[in-house]
Protein backbone atom coordinates (compact mmCIF):
# COMPACT_ATOMS: atom_id res chain seq x y z
CA UNK A 1 -13.18 -21.25 8.60
CA UNK A 2 -16.04 -20.78 5.94
CA UNK A 3 -14.65 -20.74 2.58
CA UNK A 4 -16.05 -19.09 -0.60
CA UNK A 5 -18.65 -20.56 -3.27
CA UNK A 6 -16.75 -22.60 -5.87
CA UNK A 7 -18.03 -20.19 -8.46
CA UNK A 8 -16.72 -17.13 -6.83
CA UNK A 9 -13.56 -18.61 -5.97
CA UNK A 10 -13.11 -19.55 -9.67
CA UNK A 11 -14.20 -15.98 -10.61
CA UNK A 12 -11.53 -14.56 -8.35
CA UNK A 13 -8.75 -16.79 -9.59
CA UNK A 14 -9.44 -16.13 -12.81
CA UNK A 15 -9.04 -12.45 -12.06
CA UNK A 16 -6.09 -12.92 -10.50
CA UNK A 17 -4.42 -14.66 -12.98
CA UNK A 18 -5.03 -12.02 -15.49
CA UNK A 19 -3.87 -9.31 -13.44
CA UNK A 20 -0.28 -11.38 -12.91
CA UNK A 21 -0.02 -11.81 -16.26
CA UNK A 22 -0.56 -7.77 -17.14
CA UNK A 23 1.97 -6.61 -13.99
CA UNK A 24 4.98 -6.09 -16.88
CA UNK A 25 2.86 -4.14 -19.45
CA UNK A 26 1.47 -1.92 -16.66
CA UNK A 27 5.10 -0.86 -15.41
CA UNK A 28 6.44 -0.58 -19.02
CA UNK A 29 3.90 2.25 -19.35
CA UNK A 30 5.83 5.35 -18.75
CA UNK A 31 3.67 8.03 -19.12
CA UNK A 32 0.74 9.22 -16.94
CA UNK A 33 -2.40 9.90 -17.85
CA UNK A 34 -3.16 13.36 -18.19
CA UNK A 35 -7.32 13.21 -18.51
CA UNK A 36 -10.05 15.71 -17.16
CA UNK A 37 -9.66 16.20 -13.59
CA UNK A 38 -6.25 14.37 -13.08
CA UNK A 39 -4.33 15.80 -9.83
CA UNK A 40 -1.23 16.97 -10.37
CA UNK A 41 0.06 17.36 -6.95
CA UNK A 42 -1.91 14.20 -5.36
CA UNK A 43 -1.16 10.37 -5.74
CA UNK A 44 -4.01 9.09 -7.66
CA UNK A 45 -4.13 5.40 -9.58
CA UNK A 46 -3.50 5.55 -13.12
CA UNK A 47 -6.93 3.71 -13.78
CA UNK A 48 -9.75 2.36 -11.87
CA UNK A 49 -11.26 2.35 -8.11
CA UNK A 50 -8.95 3.31 -5.35
CA UNK A 51 -10.14 4.37 -1.37
CA UNK A 52 -8.51 3.56 1.97
CA UNK A 53 -4.48 3.85 2.22
CA UNK A 54 -3.30 1.11 3.63
CA UNK A 55 0.11 -0.70 4.98
CA UNK A 56 1.94 2.82 4.78
CA UNK A 57 5.28 1.83 6.13
CA UNK A 58 9.01 3.44 5.41
CA UNK A 59 11.92 0.56 4.95
CA UNK A 60 15.25 1.08 3.40
CA UNK A 61 14.76 4.91 1.97
CA UNK A 62 11.06 3.84 0.80
CA UNK A 63 7.89 5.37 1.57
CA UNK A 64 5.65 2.66 0.97
CA UNK A 65 1.63 3.22 0.21
CA UNK A 66 -0.59 0.17 -0.41
CA UNK A 67 -4.31 0.92 -0.86
CA UNK A 68 -7.43 0.15 -1.44
CA UNK A 69 -7.45 -1.11 -5.23
CA UNK A 70 -10.18 -2.55 -7.50
CA UNK A 71 -8.54 -2.96 -10.95
CA UNK A 72 -11.53 -3.91 -12.83
CA UNK A 73 -13.72 -1.10 -12.78
CA UNK A 74 -13.89 2.91 -11.07
CA UNK A 75 -16.63 1.66 -8.37
CA UNK A 76 -15.83 -0.34 -5.35
CA UNK A 77 -15.50 -4.25 -5.93
CA UNK A 78 -13.70 -6.95 -4.68
CA UNK A 79 -10.47 -5.45 -3.02
CA UNK A 80 -6.64 -5.77 -3.50
CA UNK A 81 -4.18 -4.04 -2.17
CA UNK A 82 -2.39 -1.63 -4.92
CA UNK A 83 0.99 -0.55 -4.55
CA UNK A 84 3.62 2.27 -4.47
CA UNK A 85 6.34 3.86 -3.44
CA UNK A 86 8.25 7.24 -2.74
CA UNK A 87 11.52 8.65 -1.73
CA UNK A 88 9.63 11.93 -0.37
CA UNK A 89 5.91 11.44 0.40
CA UNK A 90 5.82 13.45 -3.07
CA UNK A 91 6.85 11.78 -5.93
CA UNK A 92 5.37 8.12 -6.88
CA UNK A 93 6.43 4.89 -8.61
CA UNK A 94 3.50 2.49 -9.09
CA UNK A 95 4.06 -0.98 -8.52
CA UNK A 96 2.16 -4.01 -9.11
CA UNK A 97 -0.66 -4.94 -7.28
CA UNK A 98 0.76 -6.50 -3.90
CA UNK A 99 -2.15 -8.77 -2.73
CA UNK A 100 -4.99 -10.30 -4.33
CA UNK A 101 -8.23 -11.71 -3.24
CA UNK A 102 -8.18 -15.54 -2.41
CA UNK A 103 -9.88 -18.45 -1.14
CA UNK A 104 -10.44 -16.53 2.32
CA UNK A 105 -11.80 -13.37 0.86
CA UNK A 106 -11.26 -9.77 -0.26
CA UNK A 107 -7.85 -8.11 0.88
CA UNK A 108 -9.64 -5.49 3.03
CA UNK A 109 -7.62 -2.27 5.14
CA UNK A 110 -4.70 -3.14 7.52
CA UNK A 111 -1.24 -1.58 8.34
CA UNK A 112 2.08 -2.74 7.67
CA UNK A 113 5.51 -3.18 9.90
CA UNK A 114 9.04 -3.80 9.37
CA UNK A 115 9.59 -7.00 11.74
CA UNK A 116 13.50 -5.68 12.79
CA UNK A 117 14.08 -8.46 15.52
CA UNK A 118 12.42 -11.36 13.18
CA UNK A 119 9.85 -12.07 15.78
CA UNK A 120 7.87 -13.67 13.22
CA UNK A 121 10.34 -16.03 12.19
CA UNK A 122 9.72 -15.40 8.10
CA UNK A 123 13.21 -13.87 7.57
CA UNK A 124 14.96 -15.63 4.76
CA UNK A 125 17.89 -13.57 4.07
CA UNK A 126 20.18 -10.74 5.82
CA UNK A 127 17.51 -8.28 5.88
CA UNK A 128 14.26 -8.24 8.46
CA UNK A 129 10.95 -8.86 6.74
CA UNK A 130 8.14 -6.55 6.09
CA UNK A 131 4.78 -8.31 7.42
CA UNK A 132 1.00 -6.95 6.41
CA UNK A 133 -1.62 -6.87 8.49
CA UNK A 134 -5.04 -7.09 6.94
CA UNK A 135 -8.74 -7.77 7.27
CA UNK A 136 -9.92 -10.57 5.24
CA UNK A 137 -13.49 -10.25 4.00
CA UNK A 138 -15.66 -13.29 2.91
CA UNK A 139 -18.03 -11.86 0.80
CA UNK A 140 -20.61 -14.83 0.78
CA UNK A 141 -21.01 -15.45 4.34
CA UNK A 142 -21.31 -11.67 4.33
CA UNK A 143 -24.65 -12.03 2.40
CA UNK A 144 -26.19 -14.38 4.65
CA UNK A 145 -28.59 -13.10 7.03
CA UNK A 146 -27.43 -13.75 10.86
CA UNK A 147 -23.75 -14.47 9.88
CA UNK A 148 -21.64 -11.89 11.66
CA UNK A 149 -18.45 -14.04 11.30
CA UNK A 150 -16.91 -12.98 7.76
CA UNK A 151 -14.04 -10.51 8.59
CA UNK A 152 -11.04 -11.64 10.30
CA UNK A 153 -7.30 -10.32 10.28
CA UNK A 154 -4.54 -12.27 8.46
CA UNK A 155 -1.07 -11.50 7.83
CA UNK A 156 1.53 -11.60 4.59
CA UNK A 157 5.18 -11.56 4.56
CA UNK A 158 7.78 -9.61 1.97
CA UNK A 159 11.65 -10.49 2.26
CA UNK A 160 11.93 -8.29 -0.61
CA UNK A 161 11.21 -4.79 0.58
CA UNK A 162 7.49 -5.29 -0.52
CA UNK A 163 7.79 -6.19 -3.55
CA UNK A 164 6.62 -9.41 -3.76
CA UNK A 165 4.28 -11.02 -0.74
CA UNK A 166 3.76 -14.40 0.71
CA UNK A 167 0.24 -14.90 2.86
CA UNK A 168 0.97 -16.97 5.63
CA UNK A 169 -0.52 -20.43 5.41
CA UNK A 170 -2.19 -20.19 9.36
CA UNK A 171 -4.62 -17.39 8.34
CA UNK A 172 -6.21 -15.62 9.89
CA UNK A 173 -4.42 -14.99 12.62
CA UNK A 174 -7.14 -13.30 14.81
CA UNK A 175 -10.71 -15.03 14.06
CA UNK A 176 -13.73 -13.45 14.29
CA UNK A 177 -15.62 -14.17 17.32
CA UNK A 178 -18.96 -13.14 15.72
CA UNK A 179 -19.25 -9.38 15.76
CA UNK A 180 -19.88 -7.56 12.49
CA UNK A 181 -17.73 -4.89 11.00
CA UNK A 182 -14.68 -6.34 12.86
CA UNK A 183 -11.61 -4.77 10.66
CA UNK A 184 -8.97 -2.72 9.63
CA UNK A 185 -6.37 -3.71 11.93
CA UNK A 186 -3.17 -1.43 12.90
CA UNK A 187 -0.57 -2.86 14.25
CA UNK A 188 2.53 -1.01 16.34
CA UNK A 189 5.56 -2.10 18.37
CA UNK A 190 5.62 -1.43 22.16
CA UNK A 191 9.29 -1.09 22.98
CA UNK A 192 8.67 -1.23 26.74
CA UNK A 193 7.07 -4.57 26.94
CA UNK A 194 8.78 -5.75 24.01
CA UNK A 195 5.47 -6.77 22.33
CA UNK A 196 3.29 -5.82 19.51
CA UNK A 197 -0.10 -4.08 19.67
CA UNK A 198 -2.51 -4.62 17.52
CA UNK A 199 -5.41 -1.88 17.10
CA UNK A 200 -9.02 -2.74 15.19
CA UNK A 201 -12.38 -1.35 14.66
CA UNK A 202 -15.12 -3.70 15.84
CA UNK A 203 -18.52 -2.22 14.89
CA UNK A 204 -18.67 0.70 17.70
CA UNK A 205 -15.56 0.86 19.33
CA UNK A 206 -12.12 -0.59 18.90
CA UNK A 207 -10.31 -3.96 20.55
CA UNK A 208 -6.66 -4.17 21.58
CA UNK A 209 -4.76 -7.54 21.07
CA UNK A 210 -0.93 -7.97 21.91
CA UNK A 211 1.29 -10.80 20.52
CA UNK A 212 4.78 -11.68 20.73
CA UNK A 213 5.50 -12.71 16.78
CA UNK A 214 2.79 -11.29 15.12
CA UNK A 215 0.77 -14.66 14.85
CA UNK A 216 -0.34 -15.25 18.42
CA UNK A 217 -2.63 -12.58 19.21
CA UNK A 218 -4.33 -12.17 23.01
CA UNK A 219 -7.36 -9.87 23.64
CA UNK A 220 -6.48 -7.18 25.91
CA UNK A 221 -9.27 -4.69 25.74
CA UNK A 222 -11.87 -2.28 24.46
CA UNK A 223 -12.33 1.44 23.74
CA UNK A 224 -14.74 3.56 22.78
CA UNK A 225 -18.37 2.39 23.53
CA UNK A 226 -19.29 5.29 25.38
CA UNK A 227 -16.61 7.88 23.88
CA UNK A 228 -16.97 10.23 20.88
CA UNK A 229 -19.07 10.46 17.72
CA UNK A 230 -21.31 7.16 17.26
CA UNK A 231 -23.22 8.22 13.84
CA UNK A 232 -21.85 5.97 11.91
CA UNK A 233 -19.16 2.77 11.54
CA UNK A 234 -15.90 2.70 13.08
CA UNK A 235 -12.96 2.06 10.91
CA UNK A 236 -9.35 2.41 10.02
CA UNK A 237 -7.93 3.39 13.63
CA UNK A 238 -4.62 4.46 14.24
CA UNK A 239 -2.59 5.01 17.91
CA UNK A 240 0.48 6.68 18.21
CA UNK A 241 2.64 8.99 20.53
CA UNK A 242 2.81 12.30 20.46
CA UNK A 243 4.76 14.77 22.64
CA UNK A 244 2.91 18.20 23.66
CA UNK A 245 5.02 21.26 21.77
CA UNK A 246 6.78 23.53 23.89
CA UNK A 247 6.33 20.79 26.73
CA UNK A 248 8.13 17.31 28.02
CA UNK A 249 4.20 15.85 28.24
CA UNK A 250 3.63 12.76 26.53
CA UNK A 251 0.20 11.84 25.30
CA UNK A 252 -1.16 8.95 22.99
CA UNK A 253 -3.50 9.81 20.05
CA UNK A 254 -6.56 7.45 18.61
CA UNK A 255 -7.51 8.15 15.33
CA UNK A 256 -10.74 6.30 14.19
CA UNK A 257 -12.74 7.21 10.66
CA UNK A 258 -16.47 6.81 10.94
CA UNK A 259 -19.00 6.58 8.33
CA UNK A 260 -21.23 8.56 8.19
CA UNK A 261 -21.45 10.62 11.00
CA UNK A 262 -19.01 13.13 10.24
CA UNK A 263 -19.24 16.45 11.08
CA UNK A 264 -20.28 18.12 7.44
CA UNK A 265 -22.04 14.56 6.56
CA UNK A 266 -20.82 11.25 5.70
CA UNK A 267 -17.37 10.50 5.83
CA UNK A 268 -14.64 11.77 8.36
CA UNK A 269 -11.81 11.29 10.97
CA UNK A 270 -12.36 11.41 14.61
CA UNK A 271 -9.73 11.23 17.39
CA UNK A 272 -9.09 10.95 21.05
CA UNK A 273 -6.14 12.18 23.01
CA UNK A 274 -5.34 10.14 26.51
CA UNK A 275 -3.30 7.50 27.97
CA UNK A 276 -2.40 4.14 27.38
CA UNK A 277 -0.35 2.00 29.27
CA UNK A 278 0.31 -1.09 26.98
CA UNK A 279 -3.07 -2.76 27.05
CA UNK A 280 -5.71 -0.06 27.75
CA UNK A 281 -6.62 3.39 26.22
CA UNK A 282 -8.22 6.07 28.64
CA UNK A 283 -9.30 9.31 26.85
CA UNK A 284 -8.24 12.21 28.65
CA UNK A 285 -10.91 14.42 26.81
CA UNK A 286 -14.64 15.24 26.94
CA UNK A 287 -16.37 11.44 26.24
CA UNK A 288 -19.42 13.64 25.03
CA UNK A 289 -16.89 16.07 22.53
CA UNK A 290 -16.15 14.84 18.77
CA UNK A 291 -12.94 16.34 17.96
CA UNK A 292 -12.27 16.03 14.05
CA UNK A 293 -9.10 16.24 12.61
CA UNK A 294 -10.26 17.42 8.91
CA UNK A 295 -13.76 19.49 8.91
CA UNK A 296 -13.75 18.95 5.05
CA UNK A 297 -15.89 16.56 3.86
CA UNK A 298 -12.70 14.60 2.15
CA UNK A 299 -10.47 13.57 4.03
CA UNK A 300 -11.28 10.14 5.58
CA UNK A 301 -9.90 6.53 6.41
CA UNK A 302 -6.20 8.31 6.89
CA UNK A 303 -3.49 6.61 9.17
CA UNK A 304 0.28 7.03 9.77
CA UNK A 305 3.43 5.61 8.13
CA UNK A 306 4.87 3.02 10.50
CA UNK A 307 8.88 2.96 10.97
CA UNK A 308 9.77 6.87 10.60
CA UNK A 309 13.38 6.77 11.78
CA UNK A 310 13.69 7.88 14.79
CA UNK A 311 16.13 10.99 13.51
CA UNK A 312 13.11 12.07 11.42
CA UNK A 313 10.84 12.52 14.62
CA UNK A 314 7.61 13.27 12.90
CA UNK A 315 4.31 11.29 12.72
CA UNK A 316 3.27 11.51 9.17
CA UNK A 317 -0.43 10.84 7.91
CA UNK A 318 -2.31 10.18 4.64
CA UNK A 319 -5.61 10.11 3.88
CA UNK A 320 -8.31 9.51 1.29
CA UNK A 321 -9.71 12.46 -0.52
CA UNK A 322 -12.96 11.36 -0.98
CA UNK A 323 -16.67 10.69 0.83
CA UNK A 324 -18.90 7.52 0.38
CA UNK A 325 -21.80 10.25 -0.11
CA UNK A 326 -20.39 10.41 -3.42
CA UNK A 327 -17.24 8.79 -4.22
CA UNK A 328 -18.49 6.36 -6.51
CA UNK A 329 -19.98 8.66 -9.13
CA UNK A 330 -17.65 11.86 -8.77
CA UNK A 331 -17.20 12.98 -12.55
CA UNK A 332 -14.10 11.26 -13.57
CA UNK A 333 -13.83 8.69 -16.44
CA UNK A 334 -10.62 6.39 -16.35
CA UNK A 335 -9.96 6.42 -12.27
CA UNK A 336 -11.45 7.89 -9.36
CA UNK A 337 -10.15 9.16 -6.03
CA UNK A 338 -6.93 11.03 -4.68
CA UNK A 339 -5.23 10.66 -1.57
CA UNK A 340 -4.52 14.25 0.33
CA UNK A 341 -1.19 15.56 0.21
CA UNK A 342 1.13 14.24 2.95
CA UNK A 343 0.43 15.87 6.60
CA UNK A 344 2.57 15.99 9.95
CA UNK A 345 0.37 15.66 12.72
CA UNK A 346 1.35 17.81 15.84
CA UNK A 347 -0.20 17.97 19.43
CA UNK A 348 -0.98 21.28 20.99
CA UNK A 349 -2.65 22.23 24.44
CA UNK A 350 -4.63 25.19 25.51
CA UNK A 351 -3.30 26.13 28.73
CA UNK A 352 -6.43 27.46 29.96
CA UNK A 353 -8.61 25.00 29.44
CA UNK A 354 -6.35 22.09 28.95
CA UNK A 355 -7.92 20.84 25.83
CA UNK A 356 -5.73 19.09 23.34
CA UNK A 357 -5.78 19.47 19.69
CA UNK A 358 -4.10 17.47 16.70
CA UNK A 359 -2.80 19.80 14.25
CA UNK A 360 -2.35 18.73 10.33
CA UNK A 361 0.97 20.67 8.65
CA UNK A 362 1.70 20.18 4.68
CA UNK A 363 4.94 17.97 4.96
CA UNK A 364 8.49 20.17 4.36
CA UNK A 365 9.08 17.91 1.39
CA UNK A 366 6.20 19.18 -1.03
CA UNK A 367 8.75 22.59 -1.23
CA UNK A 368 10.14 20.36 -3.95
CA UNK A 369 7.21 21.18 -6.02
CA UNK A 370 7.99 25.14 -5.72
CA UNK A 371 8.90 27.03 -8.78
CA UNK A 372 8.05 30.89 -9.01
CA UNK A 373 6.32 32.84 -6.17
CA UNK A 374 4.89 36.09 -5.97
CA UNK A 375 5.00 38.04 -2.71
CA UNK A 376 2.35 40.88 -1.68
CA UNK A 377 2.98 44.08 0.53
CA UNK A 378 0.67 44.29 3.42
CA UNK A 379 -2.34 46.03 2.23
CA UNK A 380 -5.45 47.12 3.58
CA UNK A 381 -8.05 46.58 1.66
CA UNK A 382 -11.41 48.40 1.40
CA UNK A 383 -14.64 46.60 1.55
CA UNK A 384 -16.07 45.42 -1.82
CA UNK A 385 -12.38 45.64 -3.25
CA UNK A 386 -10.47 42.32 -4.68
CA UNK A 387 -7.38 41.52 -3.13
CA UNK A 388 -5.94 38.81 -5.61
CA UNK A 389 -3.98 35.86 -4.64
CA UNK A 390 -3.19 34.47 -8.16
CA UNK A 391 -4.26 36.53 -11.15
CA UNK A 392 -0.67 38.31 -11.36
CA UNK A 393 -0.32 39.28 -14.68
CA UNK A 394 2.57 38.72 -16.67
CA UNK A 395 3.52 35.84 -14.18
CA UNK A 396 0.87 33.80 -15.28
CA UNK A 397 0.37 31.56 -12.14
CA UNK A 398 -2.02 28.68 -12.93
CA UNK A 399 -3.29 25.58 -11.29
CA UNK A 400 -1.70 23.92 -9.26
CA UNK A 401 -0.41 26.51 -6.40
CA UNK A 402 -0.51 26.77 -2.77
CA UNK A 403 -1.12 30.54 -1.27
CA UNK A 404 -0.63 31.39 2.07
CA UNK A 405 -1.79 34.81 3.58
CA UNK A 406 -2.05 36.58 7.45
CA UNK A 407 -5.11 38.48 8.50
CA UNK A 408 -5.22 41.24 11.29
CA UNK A 409 -7.42 39.95 14.23
CA UNK A 410 -6.27 42.43 16.94
CA UNK A 411 -9.37 44.35 16.13
CA UNK A 412 -11.53 41.60 16.86
CA UNK A 413 -13.23 39.48 14.32
CA UNK A 414 -12.15 39.88 10.71
CA UNK A 415 -15.37 38.29 8.22
CA UNK A 416 -13.93 38.16 4.83
CA UNK A 417 -14.08 35.65 1.69
CA UNK A 418 -11.78 33.32 -0.01
CA UNK A 419 -12.88 33.27 -3.76
CA UNK A 420 -11.92 30.77 -6.40
CA UNK A 421 -13.29 31.62 -9.69
CA UNK A 422 -13.38 31.67 -13.50
CA UNK A 423 -15.25 34.59 -15.13
CA UNK A 424 -15.53 32.85 -18.73
CA UNK A 425 -17.81 30.09 -16.93
CA UNK A 426 -19.34 31.89 -14.05
CA UNK A 427 -18.01 29.23 -11.75
CA UNK A 428 -16.85 29.62 -8.15
CA UNK A 429 -15.87 27.77 -4.89
CA UNK A 430 -16.38 30.48 -1.88
CA UNK A 431 -14.86 30.23 1.13
CA UNK A 432 -16.37 32.69 4.03
CA UNK A 433 -14.57 33.26 7.01
CA UNK A 434 -17.32 34.29 9.32
CA UNK A 435 -18.04 35.13 13.14
CA UNK A 436 -15.40 32.56 13.58
CA UNK A 437 -16.60 29.78 11.53
CA UNK A 438 -15.05 28.77 7.94
CA UNK A 439 -18.00 27.85 5.45
CA UNK A 440 -16.77 26.47 1.96
CA UNK A 441 -19.61 26.63 -0.61
CA UNK A 442 -19.32 24.33 -3.76
CA UNK A 443 -22.66 24.83 -4.92
CA UNK A 444 -21.64 26.96 -8.33
CA UNK A 445 -18.20 25.13 -8.85
CA UNK A 446 -18.68 23.03 -11.89
CA UNK A 447 -20.26 19.73 -12.03
CA UNK A 448 -22.62 18.96 -8.90
CA UNK A 449 -25.31 17.06 -10.44
CA UNK A 450 -23.34 13.98 -10.16
CA UNK A 451 -25.24 13.50 -6.59
CA UNK A 452 -27.73 15.05 -4.96
CA UNK A 453 -25.89 15.42 -1.56
CA UNK A 454 -22.31 16.68 -3.05
CA UNK A 455 -23.35 20.48 -2.97
CA UNK A 456 -26.41 20.37 -0.88
CA UNK A 457 -25.00 22.39 2.30
CA UNK A 458 -21.99 24.21 3.30
CA UNK A 459 -19.23 22.56 5.01
CA UNK A 460 -18.24 24.18 8.52
CA UNK A 461 -15.26 24.34 10.22
CA UNK A 462 -15.26 26.63 14.22
CA UNK A 463 -12.07 28.41 14.59
CA UNK A 464 -13.49 30.71 17.08
CA UNK A 465 -10.82 29.63 19.50
CA UNK A 466 -7.77 31.15 16.98
CA UNK A 467 -9.08 34.85 16.82
CA UNK A 468 -7.62 35.10 20.62
CA UNK A 469 -4.64 35.34 18.51
CA UNK A 470 -3.34 38.43 16.65
CA UNK A 471 -3.64 37.01 13.46
CA UNK A 472 -5.40 34.30 11.45
CA UNK A 473 -2.68 32.29 8.96
CA UNK A 474 -4.30 30.68 6.21
CA UNK A 475 -2.29 28.28 3.75
CA UNK A 476 -4.15 26.14 1.39
CA UNK A 477 -3.06 24.02 -1.59
CA UNK A 478 -5.22 24.19 -5.16
CA UNK A 479 -5.02 21.42 -7.49
CA UNK A 480 -7.06 20.36 -10.57
CA UNK A 481 -10.09 19.25 -8.47
CA UNK A 482 -9.21 19.64 -4.89
CA UNK A 483 -8.31 22.49 -2.35
CA UNK A 484 -6.97 21.93 1.41
CA UNK A 485 -7.30 24.73 3.80
CA UNK A 486 -4.68 24.81 6.68
CA UNK A 487 -5.96 27.66 9.56
CA UNK A 488 -3.18 28.83 11.74
CA UNK A 489 -0.40 25.79 11.32
CA UNK A 490 -3.10 23.16 11.00
CA UNK A 491 -5.31 23.86 14.38
CA UNK A 492 -8.50 23.81 11.60
CA UNK A 493 -7.95 21.79 8.60
CA UNK A 494 -10.80 21.76 5.75
CA UNK A 495 -10.28 19.49 2.53
CA UNK A 496 -12.72 19.79 -0.51
CA UNK A 497 -13.14 18.22 -3.94
CA UNK A 498 -14.62 20.10 -6.93
CA UNK A 499 -15.30 19.57 -10.73
CA UNK A 500 -14.66 23.22 -12.50
CA UNK A 501 -15.71 22.60 -16.33
CA UNK A 502 -12.43 24.78 -17.25
CA UNK A 503 -10.84 25.10 -14.22
CA UNK A 504 -10.37 28.16 -11.79
CA UNK A 505 -8.28 31.06 -13.35
CA UNK A 506 -8.50 33.43 -10.21
CA UNK A 507 -8.19 33.45 -6.41
CA UNK A 508 -8.89 36.48 -4.52
CA UNK A 509 -9.68 37.74 -1.06
CA UNK A 510 -12.63 40.13 -0.66
CA UNK A 511 -13.99 41.70 2.53
CA UNK A 512 -18.34 42.91 2.09
CA UNK A 513 -18.07 44.98 5.15
CA UNK A 514 -14.90 46.25 7.08
CA UNK A 515 -11.93 46.94 5.58
CA UNK A 516 -9.51 44.16 5.31
CA UNK A 517 -6.16 44.20 7.03
CA UNK A 518 -3.64 41.88 5.21
CA UNK A 519 -0.31 41.44 6.58
CA UNK A 520 1.22 39.30 4.11
CA UNK A 521 0.45 37.09 1.42
CA UNK A 522 2.39 34.79 -0.93
CA UNK A 523 1.74 32.54 -3.91
CA UNK A 524 3.44 29.80 -5.35
CA UNK A 525 3.33 27.77 -8.65
CA UNK A 526 3.61 24.12 -8.24
CA UNK A 527 4.86 22.02 -10.49
CA UNK A 528 3.20 18.39 -11.20
CA UNK A 529 4.60 15.39 -9.48
CA UNK A 530 3.83 13.30 -12.65
């Protein structure tokens, strides 16, 4: 395997040594920065650059979150795996960097599993090892014209609950056969065949490999060359089985992030629902139709946790709250990027059309952040009249908060706006629910001129299919610099970031034409996770 140049290798090793010396000092910093735009209910790095979630695995009471991290700048650079753990996916403890660049390259995205049966042979104590599977990216080769072999899959193992890692001396375990963009492995255990499955992205499709031991891998099949959206590079796949709600039917779901080519520009995550026989995935949906996990521009590269206990049974998801169109220039100073709130994924099926939908719902653990709540009575609001969801006098609800309300749709379509604003600064973020489409307009939401493509168009999300129900249920979470909106239990989702100069102080509903029938509403103050 081609090695890095001596100069670059020396730089990487010096960086690694310096950062190792800083680990203890960093861990002793108990206070978390409270700088401008800092997310209060979302995971963020203490400092520097972060993107894709990696290696998400549950082990012995801890949810592990590894992530793409560059500790020396607030823009993308030589990738490491940052590391944090949580008892509930909500409150996080930052740990030292887990994986550093080495002579094989940068440490790109991947996954982690618990090798319960020690198939790898890496176990040294009484507890099974944790195995990380990741892409090595060799930067010198990446810069050489005509060289397509600079990415390959490697592994590392830990016998102390992920606190220290040893890279396998035989890396890479999946050499590159000559394919550009050969990366982002997700590994799962197939109980029926008693073997490991690896799915990873390869340019415009995904590849499936199997292994008995996480070391020796055999190619099985491709999927996706003629399915779904191909407006950009495929990245960060995930594969899992879900039971259709309200039935005994089970289907396999394949997540696949794409950049660019999202429904609202830049980065987004599509999904496929189908069948998997242990070697080959077959799409059950229209191959010419793209289905999106989140229509907002700021949910990308999301994957799910491995090894969730069977008694829990949920499929738990986390995404990177960013978009490659502008993520490296957003107006935060010491840190960049946050993760979405954790979500559980559910599979529903339209009994008329037969179409499957993956719904995303905020996890129940977020209730630990609830403090005071305000309930609003059922009300018919005349056109032009504001129905406040946040400005409640002496109660003084502030960001961060969550709100949920239901609007009557039994009489047909209900067109209205959800507005976040600050009368003092004349800044606002407007969401229009109009003719079965949700429009998000952040053109006046605060700082927007850091990128020409940040607020150049409204984000849209179709929800016509939900108007067949008697009411539209809306739940949304507002943090210092983000909003996540879930329609009808997450059937349609929109996630967006924003940067108001002084923060929004009001949230209200308003109809521009017909009276708005509000069946119920509740707003809840949320406390900071830090």
